PDB file of N, CA and C in Angstrom:
ATOM      1  N   UNK A   1     -11.531  71.941-307.029  1.00  0.00           N
ATOM      2  CA  UNK A   1     -10.190  72.191-306.483  1.00  0.00           C
ATOM      3  C   UNK A   1     -10.261  73.221-305.344  1.00  0.00           C
ATOM      4  N   UNK A   2     -11.050  74.293-305.552  1.00  0.00           N
ATOM      5  CA  UNK A   2     -11.133  75.336-304.529  1.00  0.00           C
ATOM      6  C   UNK A   2     -11.749  74.782-303.240  1.00  0.00           C
ATOM      7  N   UNK A   3     -12.820  73.982-303.413  1.00  0.00           N
ATOM      8  CA  UNK A   3     -13.468  73.395-302.243  1.00  0.00           C
ATOM      9  C   UNK A   3     -12.524  72.468-301.499  1.00  0.00           C
ATOM     10  N   UNK A   4     -11.732  71.707-302.257  1.00  0.00           N
ATOM     11  CA  UNK A   4     -10.790  70.791-301.625  1.00  0.00           C
ATOM     12  C   UNK A   4      -9.726  71.571-300.855  1.00  0.00           C
ATOM     13  N   UNK A   5      -9.270  72.682-301.446  1.00  0.00           N
ATOM     14  CA  UNK A   5      -8.262  73.506-300.775  1.00  0.00           C
ATOM     15  C   UNK A   5      -8.805  74.107-299.486  1.00  0.00           C
ATOM     16  N   UNK A   6     -10.080  74.538-299.539  1.00  0.00           N
ATOM     17  CA  UNK A   6     -10.687  75.136-298.354  1.00  0.00           C
ATOM     18  C   UNK A   6     -10.812  74.113-297.241  1.00  0.00           C
ATOM     19  N   UNK A   7     -11.268  72.910-297.577  1.00  0.00           N
ATOM     20  CA  UNK A   7     -11.431  71.871-296.564  1.00  0.00           C
ATOM     21  C   UNK A   7     -10.075  71.461-295.995  1.00  0.00           C
ATOM     22  N   UNK A   8      -9.035  71.464-296.842  1.00  0.00           N
ATOM     23  CA  UNK A   8      -7.694  71.120-296.367  1.00  0.00           C
ATOM     24  C   UNK A   8      -7.220  72.167-295.368  1.00  0.00           C
ATOM     25  N   UNK A   9      -7.479  73.445-295.676  1.00  0.00           N
ATOM     26  CA  UNK A   9      -7.078  74.526-294.777  1.00  0.00           C
ATOM     27  C   UNK A   9      -7.828  74.409-293.453  1.00  0.00           C
ATOM     28  N   UNK A  10      -9.125  74.114-293.531  1.00  0.00           N
ATOM     29  CA  UNK A  10      -9.930  73.952-292.329  1.00  0.00           C
ATOM     30  C   UNK A  10      -9.408  72.786-291.499  1.00  0.00           C
ATOM     31  N   UNK A  11      -9.009  71.707-292.181  1.00  0.00           N
ATOM     32  CA  UNK A  11      -8.473  70.539-291.489  1.00  0.00           C
ATOM     33  C   UNK A  11      -7.178  70.897-290.766  1.00  0.00           C
ATOM     34  N   UNK A  12      -6.347  71.703-291.417  1.00  0.00           N
ATOM     35  CA  UNK A  12      -5.092  72.132-290.793  1.00  0.00           C
ATOM     36  C   UNK A  12      -5.372  72.976-289.543  1.00  0.00           C
ATOM     37  N   UNK A  13      -6.366  73.865-289.647  1.00  0.00           N
ATOM     38  CA  UNK A  13      -6.739  74.717-288.514  1.00  0.00           C
ATOM     39  C   UNK A  13      -7.268  73.861-287.369  1.00  0.00           C
ATOM     40  N   UNK A  14      -8.169  72.939-287.680  1.00  0.00           N
ATOM     41  CA  UNK A  14      -8.741  72.084-286.642  1.00  0.00           C
ATOM     42  C   UNK A  14      -7.666  71.231-285.982  1.00  0.00           C
ATOM     43  N   UNK A  15      -6.656  70.853-286.752  1.00  0.00           N
ATOM     44  CA  UNK A  15      -5.587  70.030-286.215  1.00  0.00           C
ATOM     45  C   UNK A  15      -4.715  70.820-285.233  1.00  0.00           C
ATOM     46  N   UNK A  16      -4.658  72.145-285.416  1.00  0.00           N
ATOM     47  CA  UNK A  16      -3.827  72.982-284.546  1.00  0.00           C
ATOM     48  C   UNK A  16      -4.569  73.510-283.330  1.00  0.00           C
ATOM     49  N   UNK A  17      -5.890  73.404-283.315  1.00  0.00           N
ATOM     50  CA  UNK A  17      -6.680  73.942-282.203  1.00  0.00           C
ATOM     51  C   UNK A  17      -6.251  73.371-280.846  1.00  0.00           C
ATOM     52  N   UNK A  18      -6.038  72.051-280.694  1.00  0.00           N
ATOM     53  CA  UNK A  18      -5.597  71.539-279.391  1.00  0.00           C
ATOM     54  C   UNK A  18      -4.312  72.191-278.889  1.00  0.00           C
ATOM     55  N   UNK A  19      -3.378  72.460-279.795  1.00  0.00           N
ATOM     56  CA  UNK A  19      -2.133  73.122-279.400  1.00  0.00           C
ATOM     57  C   UNK A  19      -2.421  74.546-278.926  1.00  0.00           C
ATOM     58  N   UNK A  20      -3.320  75.239-279.628  1.00  0.00           N
ATOM     59  CA  UNK A  20      -3.687  76.597-279.231  1.00  0.00           C
ATOM     60  C   UNK A  20      -4.320  76.598-277.845  1.00  0.00           C
ATOM     61  N   UNK A  21      -5.208  75.613-277.582  1.00  0.00           N
ATOM     62  CA  UNK A  21      -5.874  75.515-276.282  1.00  0.00           C
ATOM     63  C   UNK A  21      -4.842  75.287-275.184  1.00  0.00           C
ATOM     64  N   UNK A  22      -3.873  74.409-275.461  1.00  0.00           N
ATOM     65  CA  UNK A  22      -2.833  74.124-274.470  1.00  0.00           C
ATOM     66  C   UNK A  22      -2.036  75.380-274.161  1.00  0.00           C
ATOM     67  N   UNK A  23      -1.644  76.113-275.200  1.00  0.00           N
ATOM     68  CA  UNK A  23      -0.873  77.346-275.017  1.00  0.00           C
ATOM     69  C   UNK A  23      -1.707  78.384-274.268  1.00  0.00           C
ATOM     70  N   UNK A  24      -2.972  78.518-274.639  1.00  0.00           N
ATOM     71  CA  UNK A  24      -3.842  79.502-273.989  1.00  0.00           C
ATOM     72  C   UNK A  24      -4.018  79.185-272.509  1.00  0.00           C
ATOM     73  N   UNK A  25      -4.242  77.899-272.180  1.00  0.00           N
ATOM     74  CA  UNK A  25      -4.406  77.502-270.786  1.00  0.00           C
ATOM     75  C   UNK A  25      -3.130  77.767-269.998  1.00  0.00           C
ATOM     76  N   UNK A  26      -1.978  77.503-270.615  1.00  0.00           N
ATOM     77  CA  UNK A  26      -0.704  77.746-269.945  1.00  0.00           C
ATOM     78  C   UNK A  26      -0.523  79.235-269.664  1.00  0.00           C
ATOM     79  N   UNK A  27      -0.862  80.071-270.657  1.00  0.00           N
ATOM     80  CA  UNK A  27      -0.734  81.518-270.493  1.00  0.00           C
ATOM     81  C   UNK A  27      -1.680  82.026-269.416  1.00  0.00           C
ATOM     82  N   UNK A  28      -2.912  81.509-269.391  1.00  0.00           N
ATOM     83  CA  UNK A  28      -3.886  81.933-268.383  1.00  0.00           C
ATOM     84  C   UNK A  28      -3.387  81.570-266.989  1.00  0.00           C
ATOM     85  N   UNK A  29      -2.843  80.354-266.850  1.00  0.00           N
ATOM     86  CA  UNK A  29      -2.335  79.908-265.558  1.00  0.00           C
ATOM     87  C   UNK A  29      -1.145  80.768-265.128  1.00  0.00           C
ATOM     88  N   UNK A  30      -0.272  81.078-266.095  1.00  0.00           N
ATOM     89  CA  UNK A  30       0.917  81.888-265.826  1.00  0.00           C
ATOM     90  C   UNK A  30       0.520  83.298-265.386  1.00  0.00           C
ATOM     91  N   UNK A  31      -0.407  83.913-266.150  1.00  0.00           N
ATOM     92  CA  UNK A  31      -0.863  85.262-265.810  1.00  0.00           C
ATOM     93  C   UNK A  31      -1.619  85.259-264.489  1.00  0.00           C
ATOM     94  N   UNK A  32      -2.382  84.208-264.238  1.00  0.00           N
ATOM     95  CA  UNK A  32      -3.124  84.103-262.985  1.00  0.00           C
ATOM     96  C   UNK A  32      -2.194  84.022-261.789  1.00  0.00           C
ATOM     97  N   UNK A  33      -1.104  83.270-261.918  1.00  0.00           N
ATOM     98  CA  UNK A  33      -0.144  83.151-260.820  1.00  0.00           C
ATOM     99  C   UNK A  33       0.551  84.482-260.573  1.00  0.00           C
ATOM    100  N   UNK A  34       0.885  85.192-261.649  1.00  0.00           N
ATOM    101  CA  UNK A  34       1.512  86.514-261.509  1.00  0.00           C
ATOM    102  C   UNK A  34       0.529  87.479-260.841  1.00  0.00           C
ATOM    103  N   UNK A  35      -0.717  87.412-261.247  1.00  0.00           N
ATOM    104  CA  UNK A  35      -1.740  88.296-260.693  1.00  0.00           C
ATOM    105  C   UNK A  35      -1.935  88.035-259.204  1.00  0.00           C
ATOM    106  N   UNK A  36      -2.062  86.760-258.815  1.00  0.00           N
ATOM    107  CA  UNK A  36      -2.255  86.424-257.406  1.00  0.00           C
ATOM    108  C   UNK A  36      -1.023  86.788-256.586  1.00  0.00           C
ATOM    109  N   UNK A  37       0.158  86.614-257.175  1.00  0.00           N
ATOM    110  CA  UNK A  37       1.402  86.975-256.488  1.00  0.00           C
ATOM    111  C   UNK A  37       1.447  88.485-256.246  1.00  0.00           C
ATOM    112  N   UNK A  38       1.005  89.251-257.246  1.00  0.00           N
ATOM    113  CA  UNK A  38       0.967  90.710-257.109  1.00  0.00           C
ATOM    114  C   UNK A  38      -0.021  91.117-256.021  1.00  0.00           C
ATOM    115  N   UNK A  39      -1.182  90.479-255.990  1.00  0.00           N
ATOM    116  CA  UNK A  39      -2.196  90.776-254.973  1.00  0.00           C
ATOM    117  C   UNK A  39      -1.651  90.460-253.586  1.00  0.00           C
ATOM    118  N   UNK A  40      -1.011  89.294-253.431  1.00  0.00           N
ATOM    119  CA  UNK A  40      -0.442  88.901-252.143  1.00  0.00           C
ATOM    120  C   UNK A  40       0.623  89.894-251.700  1.00  0.00           C
ATOM    121  N   UNK A  41       1.491  90.281-252.626  1.00  0.00           N
ATOM    122  CA  UNK A  41       2.549  91.243-252.300  1.00  0.00           C
ATOM    123  C   UNK A  41       1.942  92.583-251.898  1.00  0.00           C
ATOM    124  N   UNK A  42       0.882  92.971-252.590  1.00  0.00           N
ATOM    125  CA  UNK A  42       0.234  94.249-252.297  1.00  0.00           C
ATOM    126  C   UNK A  42      -0.389  94.246-250.900  1.00  0.00           C
ATOM    127  N   UNK A  43      -1.036  93.119-250.531  1.00  0.00           N
ATOM    128  CA  UNK A  43      -1.711  93.055-249.243  1.00  0.00           C
ATOM    129  C   UNK A  43      -0.759  92.829-248.077  1.00  0.00           C
ATOM    130  N   UNK A  44       0.353  92.102-248.323  1.00  0.00           N
ATOM    131  CA  UNK A  44       1.271  91.800-247.221  1.00  0.00           C
ATOM    132  C   UNK A  44       2.190  92.965-246.885  1.00  0.00           C
ATOM    133  N   UNK A  45       2.387  93.908-247.809  1.00  0.00           N
ATOM    134  CA  UNK A  45       3.311  95.013-247.523  1.00  0.00           C
ATOM    135  C   UNK A  45       2.550  96.217-246.969  1.00  0.00           C
TER     136      UNK A  45
END
């Protein structure tokens, strides 16, 4: 029973990994755009 529960939990985690990757990539892109915008503003002023 314990082994089955562990594998079920692992399966749930693996099933959510693609969503985590999507969110992480979105956050990286968002932060990157803010960072580049800040750099541009800093250099243009």
